[in-house]
Amino acid sequence: MAAVVALVDDLFFQAKLLETAKQLGVDLRTCVTPDALVAEVAKESPGLVIVDLNARANALEAIERVRSAGGSIPLIGFLSHVQVDLAERARAAGCSNVMPRSKFTRELATILRGAKSELS
């Protein structure tokens, strides 16, 4: 069972997520499309879903589809701090927590540890 499933299509940021998760011993699966994210969430029952709200894939659709599946999995979205409208749309779609990319990056280890401990 993956502790975390993430929709991230930026290869550099994907590598950062995977490396941080590896260092912490957190099982993290990455996806690049809403279909792949929904499939992974259904298969893995993760403790946390992470969504890059600036992904080329339709991130808001991915959030809505995860939520419509009926799960109450915590869902964190991250984006540029100036994208206030997108942040509100993500919350409306079902994102539990929306944060600027800089804060998300700074708190990544803590976020991943929290997801790991939820499944322990």
C-alpha atoms as a PDB file:
ATOM      1  CA  MET A   1       0.000   0.000   0.000  1.00  0.00           C
ATOM      2  CA  ALA A   2       1.451   3.361  -1.023  1.00  0.00           C
ATOM      3  CA  ALA A   3       1.463   5.957   1.719  1.00  0.00           C
ATOM      4  CA  VAL A   4       1.252   8.775  -0.831  1.00  0.00           C
ATOM      5  CA  VAL A   5       0.045   9.098  -4.413  1.00  0.00           C
ATOM      6  CA  ALA A   6       0.918  12.277  -6.314  1.00  0.00           C
ATOM      7  CA  LEU A   7      -0.187  13.890  -9.576  1.00  0.00           C
ATOM      8  CA  VAL A   8       2.981  15.651 -10.705  1.00  0.00           C
ATOM      9  CA  ASP A   9       4.134  15.927 -14.306  1.00  0.00           C
ATOM     10  CA  ASP A  10       7.164  18.166 -13.730  1.00  0.00           C
ATOM     11  CA  LEU A  11      10.016  15.645 -13.905  1.00  0.00           C
ATOM     12  CA  PHE A  12      12.375  17.706 -11.728  1.00  0.00           C
ATOM     13  CA  PHE A  13       9.781  18.147  -8.985  1.00  0.00           C
ATOM     14  CA  GLN A  14       8.734  14.513  -9.343  1.00  0.00           C
ATOM     15  CA  ALA A  15      12.360  13.512  -8.713  1.00  0.00           C
ATOM     16  CA  LYS A  16      12.474  15.771  -5.635  1.00  0.00           C
ATOM     17  CA  LEU A  17       9.320  14.151  -4.235  1.00  0.00           C
ATOM     18  CA  LEU A  18      10.593  10.639  -4.896  1.00  0.00           C
ATOM     19  CA  GLU A  19      14.030  11.316  -3.405  1.00  0.00           C
ATOM     20  CA  THR A  20      12.587  12.908  -0.261  1.00  0.00           C
ATOM     21  CA  ALA A  21      10.151  10.006   0.137  1.00  0.00           C
ATOM     22  CA  LYS A  22      12.965   7.491  -0.339  1.00  0.00           C
ATOM     23  CA  GLN A  23      15.109   9.191   2.314  1.00  0.00           C
ATOM     24  CA  LEU A  24      12.187   9.027   4.749  1.00  0.00           C
ATOM     25  CA  GLY A  25      11.177   5.478   3.885  1.00  0.00           C
ATOM     26  CA  VAL A  26       7.809   6.621   2.529  1.00  0.00           C
ATOM     27  CA  ASP A  27       6.236   4.686  -0.344  1.00  0.00           C
ATOM     28  CA  LEU A  28       5.250   7.316  -2.914  1.00  0.00           C
ATOM     29  CA  ARG A  29       3.696   6.682  -6.329  1.00  0.00           C
ATOM     30  CA  THR A  30       3.617   9.407  -8.962  1.00  0.00           C
ATOM     31  CA  CYS A  31       1.121   9.837 -11.797  1.00  0.00           C
ATOM     32  CA  VAL A  32       0.956  12.249 -14.720  1.00  0.00           C
ATOM     33  CA  THR A  33      -2.724  11.996 -15.680  1.00  0.00           C
ATOM     34  CA  PRO A  34      -6.028  12.186 -13.779  1.00  0.00           C
ATOM     35  CA  ASP A  35      -6.879   8.652 -14.990  1.00  0.00           C
ATOM     36  CA  ALA A  36      -3.632   7.271 -13.571  1.00  0.00           C
ATOM     37  CA  LEU A  37      -4.152   9.131 -10.285  1.00  0.00           C
ATOM     38  CA  VAL A  38      -7.688   7.809  -9.841  1.00  0.00           C
ATOM     39  CA  ALA A  39      -6.525   4.267 -10.653  1.00  0.00           C
ATOM     40  CA  GLU A  40      -3.624   4.460  -8.168  1.00  0.00           C
ATOM     41  CA  VAL A  41      -5.845   5.860  -5.417  1.00  0.00           C
ATOM     42  CA  ALA A  42      -8.374   3.050  -5.978  1.00  0.00           C
ATOM     43  CA  LYS A  43      -5.637   0.423  -6.005  1.00  0.00           C
ATOM     44  CA  GLU A  44      -3.437   1.716  -3.190  1.00  0.00           C
ATOM     45  CA  SER A  45      -5.787   3.411  -0.664  1.00  0.00           C
ATOM     46  CA  PRO A  46      -3.077   5.940   0.223  1.00  0.00           C
ATOM     47  CA  GLY A  47      -2.897   8.025   3.374  1.00  0.00           C
ATOM     48  CA  LEU A  48      -2.395  11.181   1.310  1.00  0.00           C
ATOM     49  CA  VAL A  49      -2.908  12.460  -2.223  1.00  0.00           C
ATOM     50  CA  ILE A  50      -0.737  15.315  -3.517  1.00  0.00           C
ATOM     51  CA  VAL A  51      -1.717  17.307  -6.607  1.00  0.00           C
ATOM     52  CA  ASP A  52       0.408  19.823  -8.486  1.00  0.00           C
ATOM     53  CA  LEU A  53      -2.307  22.291  -9.411  1.00  0.00           C
ATOM     54  CA  ASN A  54      -0.141  23.512 -12.286  1.00  0.00           C
ATOM     55  CA  ALA A  55       0.150  20.080 -13.883  1.00  0.00           C
ATOM     56  CA  ARG A  56      -0.542  19.998 -17.617  1.00  0.00           C
ATOM     57  CA  ALA A  57      -3.152  17.346 -16.898  1.00  0.00           C
ATOM     58  CA  ASN A  58      -6.423  18.700 -15.579  1.00  0.00           C
ATOM     59  CA  ALA A  59      -5.598  18.809 -11.853  1.00  0.00           C
ATOM     60  CA  LEU A  60      -9.045  20.048 -10.839  1.00  0.00           C
ATOM     61  CA  GLU A  61     -10.666  17.150 -12.688  1.00  0.00           C
ATOM     62  CA  ALA A  62      -8.339  14.757 -10.874  1.00  0.00           C
ATOM     63  CA  ILE A  63      -9.362  16.196  -7.489  1.00  0.00           C
ATOM     64  CA  GLU A  64     -13.055  15.980  -8.345  1.00  0.00           C
ATOM     65  CA  ARG A  65     -12.701  12.382  -9.522  1.00  0.00           C
ATOM     66  CA  VAL A  66     -10.835  11.321  -6.379  1.00  0.00           C
ATOM     67  CA  ARG A  67     -13.512  12.966  -4.232  1.00  0.00           C
ATOM     68  CA  SER A  68     -16.404  11.518  -6.250  1.00  0.00           C
ATOM     69  CA  ALA A  69     -15.019   8.045  -5.570  1.00  0.00           C
ATOM     70  CA  GLY A  70     -16.187   8.681  -2.005  1.00  0.00           C
ATOM     71  CA  GLY A  71     -12.892   8.733  -0.209  1.00  0.00           C
ATOM     72  CA  SER A  72     -11.979  11.035   2.642  1.00  0.00           C
ATOM     73  CA  ILE A  73      -8.260  10.824   1.937  1.00  0.00           C
ATOM     74  CA  PRO A  74      -6.425  14.055   2.789  1.00  0.00           C
ATOM     75  CA  LEU A  75      -5.612  15.860  -0.458  1.00  0.00           C
ATOM     76  CA  ILE A  76      -2.940  18.566  -0.641  1.00  0.00           C
ATOM     77  CA  GLY A  77      -2.648  20.807  -3.677  1.00  0.00           C
ATOM     78  CA  PHE A  78       0.247  23.150  -4.327  1.00  0.00           C
ATOM     79  CA  LEU A  79       0.631  26.063  -6.741  1.00  0.00           C
ATOM     80  CA  SER A  80       2.206  29.456  -7.231  1.00  0.00           C
ATOM     81  CA  HIS A  81       1.313  31.829  -4.382  1.00  0.00           C
ATOM     82  CA  VAL A  82      -0.222  34.342  -6.811  1.00  0.00           C
ATOM     83  CA  GLN A  83      -2.831  31.919  -8.158  1.00  0.00           C
ATOM     84  CA  VAL A  84      -5.610  32.857  -5.743  1.00  0.00           C
ATOM     85  CA  ASP A  85      -8.425  31.949  -8.156  1.00  0.00           C
ATOM     86  CA  LEU A  86      -6.972  28.497  -8.828  1.00  0.00           C
ATOM     87  CA  ALA A  87      -6.578  27.934  -5.087  1.00  0.00           C
ATOM     88  CA  GLU A  88     -10.272  28.677  -4.539  1.00  0.00           C
ATOM     89  CA  ARG A  89     -11.295  26.390  -7.408  1.00  0.00           C
ATOM     90  CA  ALA A  90      -9.136  23.598  -5.948  1.00  0.00           C
ATOM     91  CA  ARG A  91     -10.808  23.969  -2.551  1.00  0.00           C
ATOM     92  CA  ALA A  92     -14.220  23.902  -4.223  1.00  0.00           C
ATOM     93  CA  ALA A  93     -13.210  20.724  -6.089  1.00  0.00           C
ATOM     94  CA  GLY A  94     -12.395  19.017  -2.781  1.00  0.00           C
ATOM     95  CA  CYS A  95      -8.782  19.823  -1.984  1.00  0.00           C
ATOM     96  CA  SER A  96      -8.331  19.606   1.814  1.00  0.00           C
ATOM     97  CA  ASN A  97      -5.299  21.865   1.895  1.00  0.00           C
ATOM     98  CA  VAL A  98      -3.930  24.249  -0.731  1.00  0.00           C
ATOM     99  CA  MET A  99      -0.506  25.776  -0.226  1.00  0.00           C
ATOM    100  CA  PRO A 100       2.070  27.752  -2.162  1.00  0.00           C
ATOM    101  CA  ARG A 101       4.751  25.619  -3.820  1.00  0.00           C
ATOM    102  CA  SER A 102       7.432  27.253  -1.639  1.00  0.00           C
ATOM    103  CA  LYS A 103       5.658  26.281   1.598  1.00  0.00           C
ATOM    104  CA  PHE A 104       4.904  22.807   0.272  1.00  0.00           C
ATOM    105  CA  THR A 105       8.572  22.309  -0.615  1.00  0.00           C
ATOM    106  CA  ARG A 106       9.724  23.615   2.764  1.00  0.00           C
ATOM    107  CA  GLU A 107       7.320  21.304   4.643  1.00  0.00           C
ATOM    108  CA  LEU A 108       7.598  18.298   2.324  1.00  0.00           C
ATOM    109  CA  ALA A 109       9.456  16.034   4.765  1.00  0.00           C
ATOM    110  CA  THR A 110       6.949  16.775   7.538  1.00  0.00           C
ATOM    111  CA  ILE A 111       4.016  16.192   5.183  1.00  0.00           C
ATOM    112  CA  LEU A 112       5.393  12.840   4.014  1.00  0.00           C
ATOM    113  CA  ARG A 113       6.222  11.718   7.563  1.00  0.00           C
ATOM    114  CA  GLY A 114       2.649  12.541   8.582  1.00  0.00           C
ATOM    115  CA  ALA A 115       1.236  10.434   5.759  1.00  0.00           C
ATOM    116  CA  LYS A 116       3.490   7.535   6.714  1.00  0.00           C
ATOM    117  CA  SER A 117       2.466   7.678  10.371  1.00  0.00           C
ATOM    118  CA  GLU A 118      -1.237   7.752   9.424  1.00  0.00           C
ATOM    119  CA  LEU A 119      -0.833   4.325   7.820  1.00  0.00           C
ATOM    120  CA  SER A 120       1.246   2.813  10.637  1.00  0.00           C
END
